[in-house]
Amino acid sequence: MITLTHFLVVSACIFCIGLYAVLAKRNAIMILVGIELMINAAILNFVAFGKYDKLNYGGQVFALFAIVLAAAAVAVGLALILNVYRHFKTINPEHIHELKD
């Protein structure tokens, strides 16, 4: 039987992997992937806790909103990364020193 503890442990592991990706990677795309992993860990928590809310389905509703917001954030983030690459010819955040022309 899979309990709430199992879901929380898996979610914590996914969050830690995402946090490592954000802190250790030098590529803007990998930083974006790390942020998505952390958001997915939060969504897993919403669904796991929503399993115990039989009346309102609050966890599933919040998870659905979080998925929509994560998709919008990825679209905006990817557009920003493409514009930065077009201007600086790199996506390494350490090589980008100024955002003005």
PDB file of N, CA and C in Angstrom:
ATOM      1  N   MET A   1       0.832  -1.177   0.000  1.00  0.00           N
ATOM      2  CA  MET A   1       0.000   0.000   0.000  1.00  0.00           C
ATOM      3  C   MET A   1       0.886   1.254   0.000  1.00  0.00           C
ATOM      4  N   ILE A   2       0.603   2.155  -0.899  1.00  0.00           N
ATOM      5  CA  ILE A   2       1.354   3.399  -0.986  1.00  0.00           C
ATOM      6  C   ILE A   2       0.672   4.434  -0.084  1.00  0.00           C
ATOM      7  N   THR A   3       1.422   4.947   0.868  1.00  0.00           N
ATOM      8  CA  THR A   3       0.867   5.906   1.822  1.00  0.00           C
ATOM      9  C   THR A   3       1.278   7.326   1.453  1.00  0.00           C
ATOM     10  N   LEU A   4       0.794   8.268   2.248  1.00  0.00           N
ATOM     11  CA  LEU A   4       1.126   9.672   2.038  1.00  0.00           C
ATOM     12  C   LEU A   4       2.621   9.913   2.198  1.00  0.00           C
ATOM     13  N   THR A   5       3.240   9.181   3.090  1.00  0.00           N
ATOM     14  CA  THR A   5       4.680   9.334   3.316  1.00  0.00           C
ATOM     15  C   THR A   5       5.482   9.022   2.061  1.00  0.00           C
ATOM     16  N   HIS A   6       5.076   8.002   1.323  1.00  0.00           N
ATOM     17  CA  HIS A   6       5.778   7.660   0.087  1.00  0.00           C
ATOM     18  C   HIS A   6       5.702   8.806  -0.925  1.00  0.00           C
ATOM     19  N   PHE A   7       4.510   9.389  -1.066  1.00  0.00           N
ATOM     20  CA  PHE A   7       4.362  10.517  -1.982  1.00  0.00           C
ATOM     21  C   PHE A   7       5.228  11.699  -1.550  1.00  0.00           C
ATOM     22  N   LEU A   8       5.272  11.962  -0.250  1.00  0.00           N
ATOM     23  CA  LEU A   8       6.043  13.099   0.245  1.00  0.00           C
ATOM     24  C   LEU A   8       7.546  12.886   0.077  1.00  0.00           C
ATOM     25  N   VAL A   9       8.000  11.653   0.244  1.00  0.00           N
ATOM     26  CA  VAL A   9       9.426  11.356   0.053  1.00  0.00           C
ATOM     27  C   VAL A   9       9.810  11.517  -1.414  1.00  0.00           C
ATOM     28  N   VAL A  10       8.979  11.006  -2.309  1.00  0.00           N
ATOM     29  CA  VAL A  10       9.260  11.157  -3.745  1.00  0.00           C
ATOM     30  C   VAL A  10       9.235  12.629  -4.129  1.00  0.00           C
ATOM     31  N   SER A  11       8.273  13.368  -3.599  1.00  0.00           N
ATOM     32  CA  SER A  11       8.189  14.794  -3.889  1.00  0.00           C
ATOM     33  C   SER A  11       9.411  15.545  -3.362  1.00  0.00           C
ATOM     34  N   ALA A  12       9.873  15.197  -2.182  1.00  0.00           N
ATOM     35  CA  ALA A  12      11.070  15.847  -1.630  1.00  0.00           C
ATOM     36  C   ALA A  12      12.300  15.538  -2.480  1.00  0.00           C
ATOM     37  N   CYS A  13      12.405  14.305  -2.961  1.00  0.00           N
ATOM     38  CA  CYS A  13      13.534  13.937  -3.828  1.00  0.00           C
ATOM     39  C   CYS A  13      13.501  14.722  -5.137  1.00  0.00           C
ATOM     40  N   ILE A  14      12.321  14.826  -5.744  1.00  0.00           N
ATOM     41  CA  ILE A  14      12.186  15.584  -6.993  1.00  0.00           C
ATOM     42  C   ILE A  14      12.514  17.057  -6.757  1.00  0.00           C
ATOM     43  N   PHE A  15      12.055  17.599  -5.640  1.00  0.00           N
ATOM     44  CA  PHE A  15      12.348  18.998  -5.329  1.00  0.00           C
ATOM     45  C   PHE A  15      13.845  19.215  -5.143  1.00  0.00           C
ATOM     46  N   CYS A  16      14.519  18.283  -4.463  1.00  0.00           N
ATOM     47  CA  CYS A  16      15.970  18.415  -4.257  1.00  0.00           C
ATOM     48  C   CYS A  16      16.735  18.321  -5.573  1.00  0.00           C
ATOM     49  N   ILE A  17      16.297  17.464  -6.467  1.00  0.00           N
ATOM     50  CA  ILE A  17      16.935  17.374  -7.784  1.00  0.00           C
ATOM     51  C   ILE A  17      16.753  18.678  -8.549  1.00  0.00           C
ATOM     52  N   GLY A  18      15.565  19.252  -8.485  1.00  0.00           N
ATOM     53  CA  GLY A  18      15.313  20.531  -9.145  1.00  0.00           C
ATOM     54  C   GLY A  18      16.123  21.654  -8.539  1.00  0.00           C
ATOM     55  N   LEU A  19      16.244  21.659  -7.217  1.00  0.00           N
ATOM     56  CA  LEU A  19      17.042  22.681  -6.549  1.00  0.00           C
ATOM     57  C   LEU A  19      18.512  22.568  -6.934  1.00  0.00           C
ATOM     58  N   TYR A  20      19.010  21.349  -7.022  1.00  0.00           N
ATOM     59  CA  TYR A  20      20.390  21.144  -7.465  1.00  0.00           C
ATOM     60  C   TYR A  20      20.576  21.644  -8.894  1.00  0.00           C
ATOM     61  N   ALA A  21      19.605  21.367  -9.753  1.00  0.00           N
ATOM     62  CA  ALA A  21      19.705  21.817 -11.145  1.00  0.00           C
ATOM     63  C   ALA A  21      19.725  23.337 -11.235  1.00  0.00           C
ATOM     64  N   VAL A  22      18.959  24.004 -10.394  1.00  0.00           N
ATOM     65  CA  VAL A  22      18.939  25.467 -10.421  1.00  0.00           C
ATOM     66  C   VAL A  22      20.248  26.042  -9.888  1.00  0.00           C
ATOM     67  N   LEU A  23      20.778  25.463  -8.821  1.00  0.00           N
ATOM     68  CA  LEU A  23      21.965  26.034  -8.184  1.00  0.00           C
ATOM     69  C   LEU A  23      23.273  25.657  -8.867  1.00  0.00           C
ATOM     70  N   ALA A  24      23.340  24.491  -9.503  1.00  0.00           N
ATOM     71  CA  ALA A  24      24.619  24.003  -9.996  1.00  0.00           C
ATOM     72  C   ALA A  24      24.819  24.174 -11.500  1.00  0.00           C
ATOM     73  N   LYS A  25      23.766  24.276 -12.264  1.00  0.00           N
ATOM     74  CA  LYS A  25      23.925  24.305 -13.721  1.00  0.00           C
ATOM     75  C   LYS A  25      24.263  25.700 -14.209  1.00  0.00           C
ATOM     76  N   ARG A  26      24.988  25.751 -15.298  1.00  0.00           N
ATOM     77  CA  ARG A  26      25.406  27.013 -15.895  1.00  0.00           C
ATOM     78  C   ARG A  26      24.633  27.331 -17.170  1.00  0.00           C
ATOM     79  N   ASN A  27      23.612  26.549 -17.470  1.00  0.00           N
ATOM     80  CA  ASN A  27      22.856  26.708 -18.686  1.00  0.00           C
ATOM     81  C   ASN A  27      21.459  27.187 -18.318  1.00  0.00           C
ATOM     82  N   ALA A  28      20.960  28.202 -19.010  1.00  0.00           N
ATOM     83  CA  ALA A  28      19.654  28.767 -18.680  1.00  0.00           C
ATOM     84  C   ALA A  28      18.533  27.763 -18.916  1.00  0.00           C
ATOM     85  N   ILE A  29      18.681  26.908 -19.911  1.00  0.00           N
ATOM     86  CA  ILE A  29      17.657  25.891 -20.177  1.00  0.00           C
ATOM     87  C   ILE A  29      17.597  24.905 -19.010  1.00  0.00           C
ATOM     88  N   MET A  30      18.740  24.495 -18.490  1.00  0.00           N
ATOM     89  CA  MET A  30      18.749  23.557 -17.369  1.00  0.00           C
ATOM     90  C   MET A  30      18.208  24.206 -16.091  1.00  0.00           C
ATOM     91  N   ILE A  31      18.420  25.491 -15.930  1.00  0.00           N
ATOM     92  CA  ILE A  31      17.830  26.190 -14.797  1.00  0.00           C
ATOM     93  C   ILE A  31      16.310  26.183 -14.914  1.00  0.00           C
ATOM     94  N   LEU A  32      15.801  26.400 -16.128  1.00  0.00           N
ATOM     95  CA  LEU A  32      14.362  26.347 -16.360  1.00  0.00           C
ATOM     96  C   LEU A  32      13.802  24.951 -16.092  1.00  0.00           C
ATOM     97  N   VAL A  33      14.537  23.920 -16.469  1.00  0.00           N
ATOM     98  CA  VAL A  33      14.116  22.543 -16.196  1.00  0.00           C
ATOM     99  C   VAL A  33      14.098  22.285 -14.689  1.00  0.00           C
ATOM    100  N   GLY A  34      15.070  22.803 -13.966  1.00  0.00           N
ATOM    101  CA  GLY A  34      15.104  22.655 -12.515  1.00  0.00           C
ATOM    102  C   GLY A  34      13.922  23.323 -11.842  1.00  0.00           C
ATOM    103  N   ILE A  35      13.545  24.504 -12.323  1.00  0.00           N
ATOM    104  CA  ILE A  35      12.369  25.184 -11.779  1.00  0.00           C
ATOM    105  C   ILE A  35      11.118  24.364 -12.047  1.00  0.00           C
ATOM    106  N   GLU A  36      11.026  23.774 -13.226  1.00  0.00           N
ATOM    107  CA  GLU A  36       9.872  22.931 -13.545  1.00  0.00           C
ATOM    108  C   GLU A  36       9.823  21.694 -12.651  1.00  0.00           C
ATOM    109  N   LEU A  37      10.972  21.127 -12.338  1.00  0.00           N
ATOM    110  CA  LEU A  37      10.980  19.981 -11.423  1.00  0.00           C
ATOM    111  C   LEU A  37      10.471  20.369 -10.042  1.00  0.00           C
ATOM    112  N   MET A  38      10.860  21.546  -9.572  1.00  0.00           N
ATOM    113  CA  MET A  38      10.378  21.988  -8.267  1.00  0.00           C
ATOM    114  C   MET A  38       8.876  22.242  -8.289  1.00  0.00           C
ATOM    115  N   ILE A  39       8.363  22.801  -9.371  1.00  0.00           N
ATOM    116  CA  ILE A  39       6.923  23.006  -9.492  1.00  0.00           C
ATOM    117  C   ILE A  39       6.195  21.669  -9.545  1.00  0.00           C
ATOM    118  N   ASN A  40       6.762  20.692 -10.253  1.00  0.00           N
ATOM    119  CA  ASN A  40       6.131  19.376 -10.316  1.00  0.00           C
ATOM    120  C   ASN A  40       6.128  18.686  -8.956  1.00  0.00           C
ATOM    121  N   ALA A  41       7.139  18.917  -8.153  1.00  0.00           N
ATOM    122  CA  ALA A  41       7.143  18.360  -6.795  1.00  0.00           C
ATOM    123  C   ALA A  41       6.012  18.965  -5.968  1.00  0.00           C
ATOM    124  N   ALA A  42       5.782  20.257  -6.119  1.00  0.00           N
ATOM    125  CA  ALA A  42       4.674  20.895  -5.403  1.00  0.00           C
ATOM    126  C   ALA A  42       3.327  20.370  -5.894  1.00  0.00           C
ATOM    127  N   ILE A  43       3.216  20.138  -7.190  1.00  0.00           N
ATOM    128  CA  ILE A  43       1.975  19.589  -7.745  1.00  0.00           C
ATOM    129  C   ILE A  43       1.730  18.182  -7.208  1.00  0.00           C
ATOM    130  N   LEU A  44       2.776  17.398  -7.088  1.00  0.00           N
ATOM    131  CA  LEU A  44       2.629  16.056  -6.520  1.00  0.00           C
ATOM    132  C   LEU A  44       2.140  16.133  -5.079  1.00  0.00           C
ATOM    133  N   ASN A  45       2.619  17.111  -4.318  1.00  0.00           N
ATOM    134  CA  ASN A  45       2.122  17.303  -2.950  1.00  0.00           C
ATOM    135  C   ASN A  45       0.643  17.681  -2.948  1.00  0.00           C
ATOM    136  N   PHE A  46       0.249  18.573  -3.861  1.00  0.00           N
ATOM    137  CA  PHE A  46      -1.166  18.943  -3.943  1.00  0.00           C
ATOM    138  C   PHE A  46      -2.051  17.733  -4.190  1.00  0.00           C
ATOM    139  N   VAL A  47      -1.647  16.899  -5.126  1.00  0.00           N
ATOM    140  CA  VAL A  47      -2.455  15.726  -5.461  1.00  0.00           C
ATOM    141  C   VAL A  47      -2.449  14.719  -4.322  1.00  0.00           C
ATOM    142  N   ALA A  48      -1.316  14.541  -3.675  1.00  0.00           N
ATOM    143  CA  ALA A  48      -1.235  13.588  -2.570  1.00  0.00           C
ATOM    144  C   ALA A  48      -2.114  14.027  -1.404  1.00  0.00           C
ATOM    145  N   PHE A  49      -2.080  15.301  -1.060  1.00  0.00           N
ATOM    146  CA  PHE A  49      -2.924  15.779   0.025  1.00  0.00           C
ATOM    147  C   PHE A  49      -4.386  15.866  -0.402  1.00  0.00           C
ATOM    148  N   GLY A  50      -4.621  16.106  -1.684  1.00  0.00           N
ATOM    149  CA  GLY A  50      -5.989  16.150  -2.188  1.00  0.00           C
ATOM    150  C   GLY A  50      -6.678  14.801  -2.156  1.00  0.00           C
ATOM    151  N   LYS A  51      -5.902  13.749  -2.080  1.00  0.00           N
ATOM    152  CA  LYS A  51      -6.479  12.402  -1.978  1.00  0.00           C
ATOM    153  C   LYS A  51      -7.290  12.256  -0.696  1.00  0.00           C
ATOM    154  N   TYR A  52      -6.910  12.977   0.349  1.00  0.00           N
ATOM    155  CA  TYR A  52      -7.585  12.874   1.632  1.00  0.00           C
ATOM    156  C   TYR A  52      -8.727  13.879   1.783  1.00  0.00           C
ATOM    157  N   ASP A  53      -8.897  14.770   0.830  1.00  0.00           N
ATOM    158  CA  ASP A  53      -9.996  15.736   0.843  1.00  0.00           C
ATOM    159  C   ASP A  53     -11.077  15.240  -0.103  1.00  0.00           C
ATOM    160  N   LYS A  54     -11.966  14.413   0.387  1.00  0.00           N
ATOM    161  CA  LYS A  54     -12.955  13.759  -0.470  1.00  0.00           C
ATOM    162  C   LYS A  54     -14.101  14.689  -0.865  1.00  0.00           C
ATOM    163  N   LEU A  55     -14.338  15.753  -0.114  1.00  0.00           N
ATOM    164  CA  LEU A  55     -15.504  16.588  -0.382  1.00  0.00           C
ATOM    165  C   LEU A  55     -15.256  17.651  -1.445  1.00  0.00           C
ATOM    166  N   ASN A  56     -14.178  18.379  -1.325  1.00  0.00           N
ATOM    167  CA  ASN A  56     -13.983  19.553  -2.178  1.00  0.00           C
ATOM    168  C   ASN A  56     -13.003  19.341  -3.323  1.00  0.00           C
ATOM    169  N   TYR A  57     -12.189  18.316  -3.287  1.00  0.00           N
ATOM    170  CA  TYR A  57     -11.149  18.071  -4.291  1.00  0.00           C
ATOM    171  C   TYR A  57     -10.239  19.288  -4.442  1.00  0.00           C
ATOM    172  N   GLY A  58      -9.880  19.904  -3.330  1.00  0.00           N
ATOM    173  CA  GLY A  58      -9.063  21.108  -3.354  1.00  0.00           C
ATOM    174  C   GLY A  58      -7.666  20.882  -3.897  1.00  0.00           C
ATOM    175  N   GLY A  59      -7.061  19.746  -3.561  1.00  0.00           N
ATOM    176  CA  GLY A  59      -5.711  19.474  -4.042  1.00  0.00           C
ATOM    177  C   GLY A  59      -5.646  19.336  -5.544  1.00  0.00           C
ATOM    178  N   GLN A  60      -6.636  18.652  -6.123  1.00  0.00           N
ATOM    179  CA  GLN A  60      -6.643  18.479  -7.571  1.00  0.00           C
ATOM    180  C   GLN A  60      -6.906  19.801  -8.289  1.00  0.00           C
ATOM    181  N   VAL A  61      -7.752  20.635  -7.715  1.00  0.00           N
ATOM    182  CA  VAL A  61      -8.038  21.941  -8.333  1.00  0.00           C
ATOM    183  C   VAL A  61      -6.796  22.817  -8.306  1.00  0.00           C
ATOM    184  N   PHE A  62      -6.116  22.868  -7.161  1.00  0.00           N
ATOM    185  CA  PHE A  62      -4.877  23.645  -7.081  1.00  0.00           C
ATOM    186  C   PHE A  62      -3.807  23.078  -8.005  1.00  0.00           C
ATOM    187  N   ALA A  63      -3.745  21.765  -8.133  1.00  0.00           N
ATOM    188  CA  ALA A  63      -2.772  21.149  -9.029  1.00  0.00           C
ATOM    189  C   ALA A  63      -3.048  21.532 -10.477  1.00  0.00           C
ATOM    190  N   LEU A  64      -4.309  21.568 -10.855  1.00  0.00           N
ATOM    191  CA  LEU A  64      -4.656  21.965 -12.214  1.00  0.00           C
ATOM    192  C   LEU A  64      -4.240  23.408 -12.486  1.00  0.00           C
ATOM    193  N   PHE A  65      -4.502  24.307 -11.536  1.00  0.00           N
ATOM    194  CA  PHE A  65      -4.067  25.698 -11.689  1.00  0.00           C
ATOM    195  C   PHE A  65      -2.544  25.795 -11.741  1.00  0.00           C
ATOM    196  N   ALA A  66      -1.860  25.009 -10.939  1.00  0.00           N
ATOM    197  CA  ALA A  66      -0.392  25.044 -10.932  1.00  0.00           C
ATOM    198  C   ALA A  66       0.170  24.548 -12.256  1.00  0.00           C
ATOM    199  N   ILE A  67      -0.457  23.542 -12.857  1.00  0.00           N
ATOM    200  CA  ILE A  67       0.005  23.046 -14.156  1.00  0.00           C
ATOM    201  C   ILE A  67      -0.173  24.111 -15.229  1.00  0.00           C
ATOM    202  N   VAL A  68      -1.309  24.797 -15.215  1.00  0.00           N
ATOM    203  CA  VAL A  68      -1.548  25.867 -16.197  1.00  0.00           C
ATOM    204  C   VAL A  68      -0.547  27.001 -16.010  1.00  0.00           C
ATOM    205  N   LEU A  69      -0.312  27.405 -14.770  1.00  0.00           N
ATOM    206  CA  LEU A  69       0.656  28.478 -14.517  1.00  0.00           C
ATOM    207  C   LEU A  69       2.077  28.058 -14.866  1.00  0.00           C
ATOM    208  N   ALA A  70       2.422  26.795 -14.635  1.00  0.00           N
ATOM    209  CA  ALA A  70       3.762  26.317 -14.991  1.00  0.00           C
ATOM    210  C   ALA A  70       3.957  26.326 -16.505  1.00  0.00           C
ATOM    211  N   ALA A  71       2.929  25.953 -17.243  1.00  0.00           N
ATOM    212  CA  ALA A  71       3.035  25.980 -18.706  1.00  0.00           C
ATOM    213  C   ALA A  71       3.213  27.404 -19.218  1.00  0.00           C
ATOM    214  N   ALA A  72       2.489  28.338 -18.629  1.00  0.00           N
ATOM    215  CA  ALA A  72       2.642  29.741 -19.026  1.00  0.00           C
ATOM    216  C   ALA A  72       4.025  30.268 -18.653  1.00  0.00           C
ATOM    217  N   ALA A  73       4.529  29.880 -17.499  1.00  0.00           N
ATOM    218  CA  ALA A  73       5.857  30.327 -17.078  1.00  0.00           C
ATOM    219  C   ALA A  73       6.944  29.778 -17.980  1.00  0.00           C
ATOM    220  N   VAL A  74       6.788  28.545 -18.426  1.00  0.00           N
ATOM    221  CA  VAL A  74       7.773  27.968 -19.350  1.00  0.00           C
ATOM    222  C   VAL A  74       7.749  28.702 -20.681  1.00  0.00           C
ATOM    223  N   ALA A  75       6.583  29.045 -21.163  1.00  0.00           N
ATOM    224  CA  ALA A  75       6.497  29.772 -22.433  1.00  0.00           C
ATOM    225  C   ALA A  75       7.174  31.135 -22.328  1.00  0.00           C
ATOM    226  N   VAL A  76       6.923  31.855 -21.256  1.00  0.00           N
ATOM    227  CA  VAL A  76       7.550  33.168 -21.067  1.00  0.00           C
ATOM    228  C   VAL A  76       9.056  33.019 -20.863  1.00  0.00           C
ATOM    229  N   GLY A  77       9.457  32.047 -20.046  1.00  0.00           N
ATOM    230  CA  GLY A  77      10.888  31.830 -19.803  1.00  0.00           C
ATOM    231  C   GLY A  77      11.639  31.447 -21.063  1.00  0.00           C
ATOM    232  N   LEU A  78      11.056  30.593 -21.876  1.00  0.00           N
ATOM    233  CA  LEU A  78      11.712  30.205 -23.129  1.00  0.00           C
ATOM    234  C   LEU A  78      11.819  31.385 -24.088  1.00  0.00           C
ATOM    235  N   ALA A  79      10.790  32.233 -24.130  1.00  0.00           N
ATOM    236  CA  ALA A  79      10.859  33.427 -24.970  1.00  0.00           C
ATOM    237  C   ALA A  79      11.968  34.363 -24.492  1.00  0.00           C
ATOM    238  N   LEU A  80      12.110  34.520 -23.179  1.00  0.00           N
ATOM    239  CA  LEU A  80      13.190  35.355 -22.646  1.00  0.00           C
ATOM    240  C   LEU A  80      14.560  34.773 -22.975  1.00  0.00           C
ATOM    241  N   ILE A  81      14.699  33.475 -22.850  1.00  0.00           N
ATOM    242  CA  ILE A  81      15.981  32.834 -23.148  1.00  0.00           C
ATOM    243  C   ILE A  81      16.332  32.987 -24.621  1.00  0.00           C
ATOM    244  N   LEU A  82      15.340  32.843 -25.498  1.00  0.00           N
ATOM    245  CA  LEU A  82      15.609  33.017 -26.930  1.00  0.00           C
ATOM    246  C   LEU A  82      16.016  34.447 -27.258  1.00  0.00           C
ATOM    247  N   ASN A  83      15.389  35.430 -26.628  1.00  0.00           N
ATOM    248  CA  ASN A  83      15.774  36.828 -26.867  1.00  0.00           C
ATOM    249  C   ASN A  83      17.164  37.132 -26.316  1.00  0.00           C
ATOM    250  N   VAL A  84      17.498  36.586 -25.171  1.00  0.00           N
ATOM    251  CA  VAL A  84      18.842  36.786 -24.618  1.00  0.00           C
ATOM    252  C   VAL A  84      19.874  36.127 -25.520  1.00  0.00           C
ATOM    253  N   TYR A  85      19.579  34.941 -26.025  1.00  0.00           N
ATOM    254  CA  TYR A  85      20.518  34.275 -26.935  1.00  0.00           C
ATOM    255  C   TYR A  85      20.689  35.070 -28.229  1.00  0.00           C
ATOM    256  N   ARG A  86      19.616  35.621 -28.717  1.00  0.00           N
ATOM    257  CA  ARG A  86      19.687  36.405 -29.955  1.00  0.00           C
ATOM    258  C   ARG A  86      20.580  37.639 -29.776  1.00  0.00           C
ATOM    259  N   HIS A  87      20.557  38.212 -28.578  1.00  0.00           N
ATOM    260  CA  HIS A  87      21.342  39.423 -28.332  1.00  0.00           C
ATOM    261  C   HIS A  87      22.785  39.117 -27.936  1.00  0.00           C
ATOM    262  N   PHE A  88      23.011  38.145 -27.054  1.00  0.00           N
ATOM    263  CA  PHE A  88      24.340  37.889 -26.507  1.00  0.00           C
ATOM    264  C   PHE A  88      25.038  36.684 -27.114  1.00  0.00           C
ATOM    265  N   LYS A  89      24.330  35.862 -27.887  1.00  0.00           N
ATOM    266  CA  LYS A  89      24.873  34.642 -28.501  1.00  0.00           C
ATOM    267  C   LYS A  89      25.351  33.622 -27.477  1.00  0.00           C
ATOM    268  N   THR A  90      24.772  33.651 -26.279  1.00  0.00           N
ATOM    269  CA  THR A  90      25.048  32.661 -25.246  1.00  0.00           C
ATOM    270  C   THR A  90      23.841  32.578 -24.320  1.00  0.00           C
ATOM    271  N   ILE A  91      23.681  31.403 -23.706  1.00  0.00           N
ATOM    272  CA  ILE A  91      22.626  31.273 -22.698  1.00  0.00           C
ATOM    273  C   ILE A  91      23.221  30.988 -21.325  1.00  0.00           C
ATOM    274  N   ASN A  92      24.509  31.180 -21.202  1.00  0.00           N
ATOM    275  CA  ASN A  92      25.181  31.029 -19.919  1.00  0.00           C
ATOM    276  C   ASN A  92      24.905  32.275 -19.084  1.00  0.00           C
ATOM    277  N   PRO A  93      24.234  32.143 -17.947  1.00  0.00           N
ATOM    278  CA  PRO A  93      23.888  33.339 -17.159  1.00  0.00           C
ATOM    279  C   PRO A  93      25.102  34.116 -16.653  1.00  0.00           C
ATOM    280  N   GLU A  94      26.263  33.487 -16.537  1.00  0.00           N
ATOM    281  CA  GLU A  94      27.443  34.199 -16.053  1.00  0.00           C
ATOM    282  C   GLU A  94      28.036  35.133 -17.098  1.00  0.00           C
ATOM    283  N   HIS A  95      27.747  34.899 -18.360  1.00  0.00           N
ATOM    284  CA  HIS A  95      28.299  35.728 -19.432  1.00  0.00           C
ATOM    285  C   HIS A  95      27.421  36.922 -19.781  1.00  0.00           C
ATOM    286  N   ILE A  96      26.287  37.032 -19.163  1.00  0.00           N
ATOM    287  CA  ILE A  96      25.362  38.119 -19.442  1.00  0.00           C
ATOM    288  C   ILE A  96      25.500  39.142 -18.317  1.00  0.00           C
ATOM    289  N   HIS A  97      26.106  40.275 -18.646  1.00  0.00           N
ATOM    290  CA  HIS A  97      26.419  41.259 -17.607  1.00  0.00           C
ATOM    291  C   HIS A  97      25.482  42.457 -17.628  1.00  0.00           C
ATOM    292  N   GLU A  98      24.971  42.815 -18.793  1.00  0.00           N
ATOM    293  CA  GLU A  98      24.079  43.960 -18.865  1.00  0.00           C
ATOM    294  C   GLU A  98      22.956  43.640 -19.828  1.00  0.00           C
ATOM    295  N   LEU A  99      21.803  44.223 -19.575  1.00  0.00           N
ATOM    296  CA  LEU A  99      20.649  43.965 -20.411  1.00  0.00           C
ATOM    297  C   LEU A  99      20.307  45.161 -21.291  1.00  0.00           C
ATOM    298  N   LYS A 100      21.049  46.252 -21.183  1.00  0.00           N
ATOM    299  CA  LYS A 100      20.831  47.406 -22.043  1.00  0.00           C
ATOM    300  C   LYS A 100      21.797  47.352 -23.218  1.00  0.00           C
ATOM    301  N   ASP A 101      21.404  48.060 -24.293  1.00  0.00           N
ATOM    302  CA  ASP A 101      22.335  48.179 -25.447  1.00  0.00           C
ATOM    303  C   ASP A 101      23.350  49.249 -25.189  1.00  0.00           C
TER     304      ASP A 101
END
